[in-house]
Amino acid sequence: MNRREFLRTGMLALGGCLCPQVLMGAARRYRQHERWLSFYNQHTGETLRTVYWSAGRYIPEALSDINRILRDFRTGEVKPIDPALLDLLHALRTRLETRDTLHVISGYRSPRTNAGLINRGHAASSRSLHTKGKAIDIRLPGYSLKALHKAAVSLRAGGVGYYPVPEFVHVDIGRVRYW
């Protein structure tokens, strides 16, 4: 906790003693200034729930944790995930009004992994945004793929792909397009 957060917390506590309604309103507004995500990597079994943005800034430690869980599970290679993708995922969860954990099928993919997928006939592009940390393939248990896809399309914030047979939705922060 930095000095500013310590002082804010102290002032909220003092205000809460003097006027509990003020404390509740301030706490509600402060929470709106946090963005958090929860992931389950289906290939590694790892989970992560983290606040990645707070009080107007991204949190480096949280971004590092996210980079790790979204790494190329085939090679172990970790690369930075674009924070704009995280904001898109946060917006998607907000649109769906859920706090549920996103199940990750594929986050970052190394160029070598991506080329291997193409060679094996998988639906991967030679210019995949996965190789730049700007795309993710997800599921959201409790929501149909159609509902997840529809919500992602409604954001009009990047590419959205619907894959019913492997059962995932692709979202990226490239140009707006749908398939």
Protein backbone atom coordinates (compact mmCIF):
# COMPACT_ATOMS: atom_id res chain seq x y z
CA MET A 1 0.00 0.00 0.00
CA ASN A 2 1.49 3.33 -1.01
CA ARG A 3 1.18 6.53 1.02
CA ARG A 4 -1.78 7.85 -0.97
CA GLU A 5 -3.75 4.62 -0.53
CA PHE A 6 -2.89 4.57 3.19
CA LEU A 7 -4.16 8.13 3.66
CA ARG A 8 -7.31 7.45 1.63
CA THR A 9 -8.04 4.36 3.71
CA GLY A 10 -7.49 6.31 6.93
CA MET A 11 -9.81 9.09 5.81
CA LEU A 12 -12.49 6.58 4.81
CA ALA A 13 -12.22 4.88 8.21
CA LEU A 14 -12.50 8.22 10.04
CA GLY A 15 -15.41 9.25 7.84
CA GLY A 16 -17.08 5.90 8.49
CA CYS A 17 -16.98 6.51 12.22
CA LEU A 18 -18.54 9.95 11.80
CA CYS A 19 -21.03 9.10 9.04
CA PRO A 20 -21.43 5.48 7.89
CA GLN A 21 -23.43 6.48 4.76
CA VAL A 22 -20.47 8.53 3.52
CA LEU A 23 -18.17 5.55 3.98
CA MET A 24 -20.43 3.23 1.98
CA GLY A 25 -20.72 5.70 -0.92
CA ALA A 26 -16.97 6.34 -0.99
CA ALA A 27 -16.16 2.63 -0.87
CA ARG A 28 -18.57 1.97 -3.75
CA ARG A 29 -16.97 4.73 -5.88
CA TYR A 30 -13.47 3.46 -5.05
CA ARG A 31 -14.35 -0.10 -6.15
CA GLN A 32 -15.51 1.28 -9.48
CA HIS A 33 -11.95 2.46 -9.95
CA GLU A 34 -10.64 -1.09 -9.84
CA ARG A 35 -10.57 -3.61 -12.66
CA TRP A 36 -10.03 -7.26 -11.92
CA LEU A 37 -10.08 -10.51 -13.82
CA SER A 38 -10.20 -14.17 -12.92
CA PHE A 39 -8.63 -16.85 -15.14
CA TYR A 40 -8.47 -20.63 -15.25
CA ASN A 41 -5.92 -22.01 -17.73
CA GLN A 42 -7.44 -25.30 -18.86
CA HIS A 43 -4.09 -26.64 -20.09
CA THR A 44 -2.02 -25.99 -16.96
CA GLY A 45 -4.75 -26.10 -14.30
CA GLU A 46 -3.57 -22.74 -12.93
CA THR A 47 -5.97 -20.13 -11.62
CA LEU A 48 -5.55 -16.42 -11.01
CA ARG A 49 -7.82 -13.73 -9.61
CA THR A 50 -6.23 -10.31 -9.58
CA VAL A 51 -6.89 -6.58 -9.59
CA TYR A 52 -4.83 -5.43 -12.57
CA TRP A 53 -5.84 -1.75 -12.63
CA SER A 54 -6.55 0.53 -9.70
CA ALA A 55 -6.75 4.25 -9.03
CA GLY A 56 -5.97 5.15 -12.63
CA ARG A 57 -3.00 2.86 -13.26
CA TYR A 58 -2.10 -0.65 -14.25
CA ILE A 59 -0.47 -2.73 -11.53
CA PRO A 60 2.85 -4.16 -12.79
CA GLU A 61 2.85 -7.18 -10.46
CA ALA A 62 -0.66 -8.16 -11.55
CA LEU A 63 0.24 -7.73 -15.23
CA SER A 64 3.22 -10.01 -14.67
CA ASP A 65 0.98 -12.65 -13.07
CA ILE A 66 -1.45 -12.40 -16.00
CA ASN A 67 1.40 -12.71 -18.51
CA ARG A 68 2.44 -15.92 -16.77
CA ILE A 69 -0.97 -17.59 -16.71
CA LEU A 70 -1.61 -16.62 -20.35
CA ARG A 71 1.79 -17.88 -21.52
CA ASP A 72 2.29 -20.29 -24.41
CA PHE A 73 1.50 -23.51 -22.52
CA ARG A 74 3.27 -25.58 -25.17
CA THR A 75 6.67 -23.86 -24.85
CA GLY A 76 6.39 -22.05 -21.52
CA GLU A 77 7.31 -18.78 -23.25
CA VAL A 78 5.94 -15.71 -21.45
CA LYS A 79 5.32 -12.46 -23.30
CA PRO A 80 3.48 -9.29 -22.28
CA ILE A 81 -0.28 -9.33 -22.80
CA ASP A 82 -1.55 -5.99 -24.08
CA PRO A 83 -3.47 -4.26 -21.25
CA ALA A 84 -6.08 -3.19 -23.81
CA LEU A 85 -6.99 -6.89 -24.18
CA LEU A 86 -7.45 -7.10 -20.41
CA ASP A 87 -9.70 -4.05 -20.53
CA LEU A 88 -11.72 -5.72 -23.29
CA LEU A 89 -12.13 -8.84 -21.14
CA HIS A 90 -13.16 -6.67 -18.19
CA ALA A 91 -15.72 -4.90 -20.41
CA LEU A 92 -17.01 -8.28 -21.61
CA ARG A 93 -17.50 -9.52 -18.04
CA THR A 94 -19.23 -6.22 -17.19
CA ARG A 95 -21.53 -6.54 -20.22
CA LEU A 96 -22.46 -10.07 -19.12
CA GLU A 97 -22.82 -8.89 -15.50
CA THR A 98 -20.71 -11.76 -14.24
CA ARG A 99 -17.85 -12.23 -11.82
CA ASP A 100 -17.23 -15.76 -13.08
CA THR A 101 -13.82 -17.09 -14.06
CA LEU A 102 -12.78 -16.98 -17.70
CA HIS A 103 -11.54 -20.36 -18.94
CA VAL A 104 -8.53 -19.85 -21.18
CA ILE A 105 -8.02 -22.07 -24.19
CA SER A 106 -5.23 -19.99 -25.73
CA GLY A 107 -3.60 -16.72 -24.74
CA TYR A 108 -0.13 -15.85 -25.99
CA ARG A 109 1.26 -18.18 -28.67
CA SER A 110 4.85 -18.13 -29.79
CA PRO A 111 5.41 -17.82 -33.55
CA ARG A 112 6.74 -21.39 -33.52
CA THR A 113 3.61 -22.73 -31.82
CA ASN A 114 1.40 -20.73 -34.17
CA ALA A 115 3.21 -22.11 -37.23
CA GLY A 116 2.83 -25.63 -35.86
CA LEU A 117 -0.92 -25.15 -35.48
CA ILE A 118 -1.19 -23.92 -39.06
CA ASN A 119 0.85 -26.90 -40.33
CA ARG A 120 -1.50 -29.29 -38.48
CA GLY A 121 -4.56 -27.70 -40.13
CA HIS A 122 -5.89 -25.76 -37.15
CA ALA A 123 -7.76 -22.49 -37.66
CA ALA A 124 -4.80 -20.20 -36.98
CA SER A 125 -3.62 -17.21 -38.98
CA SER A 126 -0.02 -16.57 -40.00
CA ARG A 127 -0.66 -13.01 -38.75
CA SER A 128 -2.33 -14.14 -35.52
CA LEU A 129 -2.70 -11.51 -32.82
CA HIS A 130 -2.07 -14.31 -30.30
CA THR A 131 1.64 -13.97 -31.21
CA LYS A 132 1.54 -10.32 -30.13
CA GLY A 133 -0.33 -10.81 -26.85
CA LYS A 134 -3.42 -9.13 -28.32
CA ALA A 135 -5.83 -12.10 -28.56
CA ILE A 136 -7.34 -14.78 -26.38
CA ASP A 137 -9.62 -17.80 -26.85
CA ILE A 138 -12.04 -18.28 -23.96
CA ARG A 139 -15.08 -20.01 -22.54
CA LEU A 140 -17.29 -18.81 -19.71
CA PRO A 141 -18.95 -21.74 -17.91
CA GLY A 142 -22.58 -21.04 -17.23
CA TYR A 143 -22.91 -19.04 -20.46
CA SER A 144 -23.57 -20.45 -23.88
CA LEU A 145 -20.97 -19.78 -26.54
CA LYS A 146 -23.68 -17.91 -28.46
CA ALA A 147 -24.32 -15.58 -25.51
CA LEU A 148 -20.58 -15.00 -25.03
CA HIS A 149 -20.11 -14.32 -28.75
CA LYS A 150 -23.10 -11.96 -28.88
CA ALA A 151 -21.82 -9.98 -25.88
CA ALA A 152 -18.32 -9.71 -27.39
CA VAL A 153 -19.73 -8.54 -30.75
CA SER A 154 -21.89 -5.94 -28.97
CA LEU A 155 -18.76 -4.26 -27.59
CA ARG A 156 -17.51 -3.47 -31.14
CA ALA A 157 -13.98 -3.39 -29.77
CA GLY A 158 -12.00 -5.78 -31.98
CA GLY A 159 -12.15 -9.15 -33.65
CA VAL A 160 -14.60 -11.79 -32.44
CA GLY A 161 -14.64 -15.38 -33.67
CA TYR A 162 -17.15 -18.11 -32.88
CA TYR A 163 -15.83 -21.70 -32.75
CA PRO A 164 -18.66 -24.07 -31.74
CA VAL A 165 -16.82 -27.34 -32.37
CA PRO A 166 -13.73 -26.67 -30.24
CA GLU A 167 -16.13 -24.67 -27.99
CA PHE A 168 -14.55 -21.24 -27.58
CA VAL A 169 -14.90 -17.62 -28.53
CA HIS A 170 -11.89 -15.69 -29.82
CA VAL A 171 -11.56 -12.01 -28.91
CA ASP A 172 -8.79 -9.64 -29.92
CA ILE A 173 -7.99 -5.95 -30.00
CA GLY A 174 -7.34 -5.76 -33.72
CA ARG A 175 -9.69 -4.09 -36.18
CA VAL A 176 -13.40 -4.73 -35.69
CA ARG A 177 -14.45 -7.87 -37.57
CA TYR A 178 -16.53 -10.96 -36.93
CA TRP A 179 -16.47 -14.58 -38.06
